[in-house]
């Protein structure tokens, strides 16, 4: 298994998320952003680096919305920004910044 998503997968995630942070809606163009693993890398499975397990968040793992998601796991699980190790990310919807919720 690769240690990170391919460039094609990263581009697909950015395009799907319209180059915006999923949580706050901020454009990630010309600002720091991360491709976040919903089911964390510490819970590896075959789809770890696939689009359904990845979302765009502003900041790094400790700053911006990416840092917020890791600092507020209860809310992150509630909105699908993080997925428990026993859950399939393909089945867990994500709440986008504009309130829409959908499976990715």
N, C-alpha and C. Protein backbone atom coordinates (compact mmCIF):
# COMPACT_ATOMS: atom_id res chain seq x y z
N UNK A 1 0.85 -1.18 0.00
CA UNK A 1 0.00 0.00 0.00
C UNK A 1 0.89 1.24 0.00
N UNK A 2 0.54 2.18 -0.83
CA UNK A 2 1.28 3.43 -0.91
C UNK A 2 1.16 4.20 0.41
N UNK A 3 2.13 5.06 0.69
CA UNK A 3 2.11 5.82 1.93
C UNK A 3 1.30 7.10 1.83
N UNK A 4 0.83 7.44 0.62
CA UNK A 4 0.02 8.65 0.45
C UNK A 4 -0.80 8.54 -0.83
N UNK A 5 -1.84 9.38 -0.95
CA UNK A 5 -2.66 9.35 -2.16
C UNK A 5 -1.85 9.76 -3.39
N UNK A 6 -2.23 9.22 -4.53
CA UNK A 6 -1.58 9.60 -5.78
C UNK A 6 -1.95 11.05 -6.14
N UNK A 7 -1.17 11.65 -7.02
CA UNK A 7 -1.48 13.01 -7.45
C UNK A 7 -2.83 13.06 -8.14
N UNK A 8 -3.17 12.04 -8.91
CA UNK A 8 -4.48 12.00 -9.58
C UNK A 8 -5.62 11.96 -8.56
N UNK A 9 -5.44 11.19 -7.48
CA UNK A 9 -6.46 11.13 -6.44
C UNK A 9 -6.57 12.46 -5.73
N UNK A 10 -5.45 13.08 -5.41
CA UNK A 10 -5.46 14.40 -4.75
C UNK A 10 -6.21 15.41 -5.62
N UNK A 11 -5.92 15.42 -6.90
CA UNK A 11 -6.59 16.35 -7.82
C UNK A 11 -8.09 16.07 -7.85
N UNK A 12 -8.48 14.80 -7.89
CA UNK A 12 -9.91 14.44 -7.90
C UNK A 12 -10.61 14.93 -6.63
N UNK A 13 -9.95 14.82 -5.47
CA UNK A 13 -10.52 15.29 -4.21
C UNK A 13 -10.68 16.81 -4.24
N UNK A 14 -9.64 17.51 -4.67
CA UNK A 14 -9.70 18.98 -4.74
C UNK A 14 -10.82 19.43 -5.67
N UNK A 15 -10.94 18.79 -6.81
CA UNK A 15 -11.99 19.16 -7.76
C UNK A 15 -13.37 18.86 -7.18
N UNK A 16 -13.55 17.69 -6.57
CA UNK A 16 -14.84 17.33 -5.97
C UNK A 16 -15.24 18.35 -4.90
N UNK A 17 -14.26 18.78 -4.10
CA UNK A 17 -14.53 19.73 -3.01
C UNK A 17 -14.47 21.18 -3.48
N UNK A 18 -14.32 21.39 -4.78
CA UNK A 18 -14.32 22.71 -5.42
C UNK A 18 -13.23 23.63 -4.86
N UNK A 19 -12.09 23.03 -4.53
CA UNK A 19 -10.94 23.78 -4.03
C UNK A 19 -11.31 24.63 -2.81
N UNK A 20 -12.16 24.06 -1.96
CA UNK A 20 -12.58 24.73 -0.72
C UNK A 20 -12.45 23.76 0.45
N UNK A 21 -12.26 24.35 1.61
CA UNK A 21 -12.26 23.56 2.85
C UNK A 21 -13.67 23.02 3.05
N UNK A 22 -13.78 21.73 3.28
CA UNK A 22 -15.08 21.09 3.48
C UNK A 22 -15.78 21.65 4.72
N UNK A 23 -15.03 22.00 5.74
CA UNK A 23 -15.63 22.45 7.00
C UNK A 23 -16.05 23.91 6.97
N UNK A 24 -15.17 24.83 6.53
CA UNK A 24 -15.48 26.26 6.63
C UNK A 24 -15.78 26.92 5.28
N UNK A 25 -15.46 26.27 4.19
CA UNK A 25 -15.75 26.81 2.87
C UNK A 25 -14.69 27.74 2.31
N UNK A 26 -13.63 28.00 3.06
CA UNK A 26 -12.56 28.89 2.59
C UNK A 26 -11.88 28.31 1.35
N UNK A 27 -11.62 29.16 0.38
CA UNK A 27 -10.86 28.72 -0.78
C UNK A 27 -9.46 28.32 -0.33
N UNK A 28 -8.97 27.22 -0.87
CA UNK A 28 -7.63 26.78 -0.49
C UNK A 28 -6.58 27.27 -1.49
N UNK A 29 -7.03 27.96 -2.52
CA UNK A 29 -6.08 28.52 -3.49
C UNK A 29 -5.25 29.59 -2.77
N UNK A 30 -3.95 29.50 -2.91
CA UNK A 30 -3.01 30.44 -2.29
C UNK A 30 -3.04 30.41 -0.76
N UNK A 31 -3.43 29.29 -0.17
CA UNK A 31 -3.37 29.17 1.29
C UNK A 31 -3.03 27.73 1.65
N UNK A 32 -2.63 27.53 2.89
CA UNK A 32 -2.25 26.19 3.33
C UNK A 32 -3.49 25.31 3.44
N UNK A 33 -3.37 24.09 2.97
CA UNK A 33 -4.46 23.12 3.06
C UNK A 33 -3.88 21.72 3.20
N UNK A 34 -4.77 20.79 3.52
CA UNK A 34 -4.39 19.39 3.66
C UNK A 34 -5.45 18.51 3.00
N UNK A 35 -5.01 17.38 2.53
CA UNK A 35 -5.93 16.32 2.13
C UNK A 35 -5.99 15.39 3.35
N UNK A 36 -7.14 15.40 3.99
CA UNK A 36 -7.32 14.71 5.27
C UNK A 36 -7.93 13.32 5.08
N UNK A 37 -7.38 12.34 5.79
CA UNK A 37 -7.92 10.98 5.80
C UNK A 37 -9.06 10.92 6.82
N UNK A 38 -10.25 10.63 6.37
CA UNK A 38 -11.41 10.53 7.26
C UNK A 38 -11.25 9.33 8.20
N UNK A 39 -10.98 8.17 7.65
CA UNK A 39 -10.59 7.02 8.45
C UNK A 39 -9.08 7.16 8.56
N UNK A 40 -8.62 7.41 9.75
CA UNK A 40 -7.24 7.83 9.97
C UNK A 40 -6.22 6.80 9.49
N UNK A 41 -5.05 7.28 9.16
CA UNK A 41 -3.98 6.40 8.69
C UNK A 41 -3.60 5.36 9.72
N UNK A 42 -3.89 5.62 10.99
CA UNK A 42 -3.61 4.64 12.05
C UNK A 42 -4.58 3.46 12.00
N UNK A 43 -5.62 3.55 11.13
CA UNK A 43 -6.59 2.47 10.93
C UNK A 43 -6.56 2.05 9.46
N UNK A 44 -5.42 1.52 9.00
CA UNK A 44 -5.28 1.22 7.57
C UNK A 44 -6.29 0.18 7.06
N UNK A 45 -6.67 0.36 5.83
CA UNK A 45 -7.52 -0.59 5.12
C UNK A 45 -7.30 -0.35 3.63
N UNK A 46 -7.76 -1.20 2.75
CA UNK A 46 -7.43 -1.07 1.32
C UNK A 46 -7.83 0.26 0.67
N UNK A 47 -8.89 0.92 1.15
CA UNK A 47 -9.33 2.18 0.55
C UNK A 47 -8.78 3.43 1.22
N UNK A 48 -7.74 3.28 2.02
CA UNK A 48 -7.20 4.39 2.80
C UNK A 48 -6.93 5.64 1.98
N UNK A 49 -6.36 5.48 0.79
CA UNK A 49 -5.97 6.63 -0.03
C UNK A 49 -6.91 6.85 -1.21
N UNK A 50 -8.16 6.39 -1.10
CA UNK A 50 -9.14 6.59 -2.16
C UNK A 50 -9.99 7.83 -1.87
N UNK A 51 -10.62 8.35 -2.89
CA UNK A 51 -11.35 9.62 -2.77
C UNK A 51 -12.43 9.60 -1.68
N UNK A 52 -13.12 8.48 -1.49
CA UNK A 52 -14.19 8.43 -0.49
C UNK A 52 -13.66 8.57 0.94
N UNK A 53 -12.38 8.40 1.14
CA UNK A 53 -11.79 8.52 2.47
C UNK A 53 -11.04 9.84 2.65
N UNK A 54 -11.07 10.71 1.68
CA UNK A 54 -10.27 11.93 1.71
C UNK A 54 -11.15 13.16 1.53
N UNK A 55 -10.84 14.22 2.30
CA UNK A 55 -11.51 15.50 2.15
C UNK A 55 -10.47 16.62 2.21
N UNK A 56 -10.84 17.76 1.67
CA UNK A 56 -9.99 18.95 1.69
C UNK A 56 -10.28 19.76 2.94
N UNK A 57 -9.25 20.09 3.70
CA UNK A 57 -9.38 20.95 4.88
C UNK A 57 -8.31 22.03 4.84
N UNK A 58 -8.67 23.23 5.28
CA UNK A 58 -7.65 24.29 5.38
C UNK A 58 -6.74 23.97 6.56
N UNK A 59 -5.52 24.49 6.50
CA UNK A 59 -4.56 24.29 7.57
C UNK A 59 -3.79 22.99 7.47
N UNK A 60 -3.07 22.71 8.55
CA UNK A 60 -2.28 21.48 8.64
C UNK A 60 -2.96 20.58 9.67
N UNK A 61 -2.30 19.52 10.06
CA UNK A 61 -2.87 18.64 11.09
C UNK A 61 -3.03 19.30 12.44
N UNK A 62 -2.43 20.48 12.63
CA UNK A 62 -2.53 21.18 13.92
C UNK A 62 -3.08 22.59 13.79
N UNK A 63 -3.32 23.07 12.57
CA UNK A 63 -3.83 24.43 12.37
C UNK A 63 -5.09 24.40 11.51
N UNK A 64 -5.79 25.53 11.45
CA UNK A 64 -6.97 25.66 10.61
C UNK A 64 -8.01 24.60 10.95
N UNK A 65 -8.85 24.32 9.98
CA UNK A 65 -9.90 23.32 10.19
C UNK A 65 -9.33 21.92 10.36
N UNK A 66 -8.19 21.63 9.74
CA UNK A 66 -7.59 20.31 9.93
C UNK A 66 -7.23 20.12 11.40
N UNK A 67 -6.63 21.12 12.00
CA UNK A 67 -6.33 21.05 13.43
C UNK A 67 -7.59 20.98 14.28
N UNK A 68 -8.62 21.74 13.88
CA UNK A 68 -9.89 21.74 14.62
C UNK A 68 -10.51 20.35 14.60
N UNK A 69 -10.53 19.70 13.45
CA UNK A 69 -11.11 18.36 13.33
C UNK A 69 -10.43 17.39 14.28
N UNK A 70 -9.10 17.42 14.34
CA UNK A 70 -8.38 16.52 15.25
C UNK A 70 -8.59 16.90 16.71
N UNK A 71 -8.81 18.18 16.98
CA UNK A 71 -9.01 18.64 18.34
C UNK A 71 -10.44 18.47 18.85
N UNK A 72 -11.38 18.20 17.95
CA UNK A 72 -12.80 18.06 18.31
C UNK A 72 -13.37 16.78 17.67
N UNK A 73 -12.87 15.63 18.10
CA UNK A 73 -13.27 14.39 17.43
C UNK A 73 -14.76 14.08 17.50
N UNK A 74 -15.44 14.40 18.59
CA UNK A 74 -16.86 14.10 18.68
C UNK A 74 -17.62 14.77 17.54
N UNK A 75 -17.40 16.06 17.36
CA UNK A 75 -18.07 16.80 16.29
C UNK A 75 -17.61 16.32 14.91
N UNK A 76 -16.31 15.98 14.81
CA UNK A 76 -15.77 15.52 13.53
C UNK A 76 -16.41 14.19 13.11
N UNK A 77 -16.61 13.28 14.04
CA UNK A 77 -17.28 12.02 13.73
C UNK A 77 -18.75 12.28 13.37
N UNK A 78 -19.37 13.19 14.08
CA UNK A 78 -20.77 13.51 13.84
C UNK A 78 -21.01 14.03 12.42
N UNK A 79 -20.05 14.77 11.88
CA UNK A 79 -20.19 15.38 10.55
C UNK A 79 -19.49 14.58 9.45
N UNK A 80 -18.90 13.46 9.79
CA UNK A 80 -18.25 12.61 8.79
C UNK A 80 -16.87 13.08 8.37
N UNK A 81 -16.32 14.06 9.07
CA UNK A 81 -14.98 14.54 8.76
C UNK A 81 -13.94 13.55 9.25
N UNK A 82 -14.33 12.74 10.25
CA UNK A 82 -13.55 11.59 10.68
C UNK A 82 -14.50 10.41 10.74
N UNK A 83 -13.96 9.20 10.52
CA UNK A 83 -14.74 7.98 10.50
C UNK A 83 -14.03 6.97 11.40
N UNK A 84 -14.80 6.31 12.25
CA UNK A 84 -14.22 5.30 13.14
C UNK A 84 -13.60 4.16 12.34
N UNK A 85 -12.62 3.49 12.94
CA UNK A 85 -11.90 2.41 12.28
C UNK A 85 -12.77 1.24 11.87
N UNK A 86 -13.90 1.05 12.51
CA UNK A 86 -14.79 -0.06 12.16
C UNK A 86 -15.83 0.34 11.10
N UNK A 87 -15.85 1.63 10.70
CA UNK A 87 -16.83 2.10 9.74
C UNK A 87 -16.23 2.17 8.33
N UNK A 88 -17.09 2.03 7.35
CA UNK A 88 -16.69 2.15 5.95
C UNK A 88 -16.94 3.59 5.49
N UNK A 89 -15.90 4.35 5.15
CA UNK A 89 -16.10 5.73 4.73
C UNK A 89 -17.05 5.90 3.54
N UNK A 90 -17.15 4.88 2.68
CA UNK A 90 -18.06 4.96 1.54
C UNK A 90 -19.51 5.07 1.98
N UNK A 91 -19.81 4.60 3.18
CA UNK A 91 -21.18 4.60 3.68
C UNK A 91 -21.48 5.78 4.60
N UNK A 92 -20.46 6.55 4.97
CA UNK A 92 -20.62 7.62 5.93
C UNK A 92 -20.67 8.97 5.22
N UNK A 93 -21.79 9.70 5.33
CA UNK A 93 -21.88 11.00 4.66
C UNK A 93 -21.00 12.05 5.30
N UNK A 94 -20.69 13.08 4.52
CA UNK A 94 -19.88 14.21 4.96
C UNK A 94 -20.76 15.46 4.93
N UNK A 95 -20.68 16.28 5.98
CA UNK A 95 -21.36 17.56 5.99
C UNK A 95 -20.41 18.60 5.42
N UNK A 96 -20.83 19.27 4.35
CA UNK A 96 -20.03 20.33 3.75
C UNK A 96 -20.34 21.66 4.41
N UNK A 97 -19.46 22.62 4.21
CA UNK A 97 -19.55 23.94 4.85
C UNK A 97 -20.90 24.61 4.62
N UNK A 98 -21.56 24.34 3.52
CA UNK A 98 -22.85 24.98 3.22
C UNK A 98 -24.04 24.22 3.78
N UNK A 99 -23.78 23.18 4.59
CA UNK A 99 -24.82 22.43 5.23
C UNK A 99 -25.28 21.19 4.47
N UNK A 100 -24.86 21.07 3.22
CA UNK A 100 -25.28 19.88 2.48
C UNK A 100 -24.53 18.67 3.02
N UNK A 101 -25.20 17.57 3.03
CA UNK A 101 -24.61 16.32 3.50
C UNK A 101 -24.73 15.29 2.40
N UNK A 102 -23.63 14.61 2.12
CA UNK A 102 -23.69 13.59 1.09
C UNK A 102 -22.57 12.57 1.26
N UNK A 103 -22.83 11.40 0.70
CA UNK A 103 -21.80 10.38 0.67
C UNK A 103 -20.84 10.74 -0.44
N UNK A 104 -19.57 10.51 -0.19
CA UNK A 104 -18.57 10.83 -1.20
C UNK A 104 -17.93 9.55 -1.60
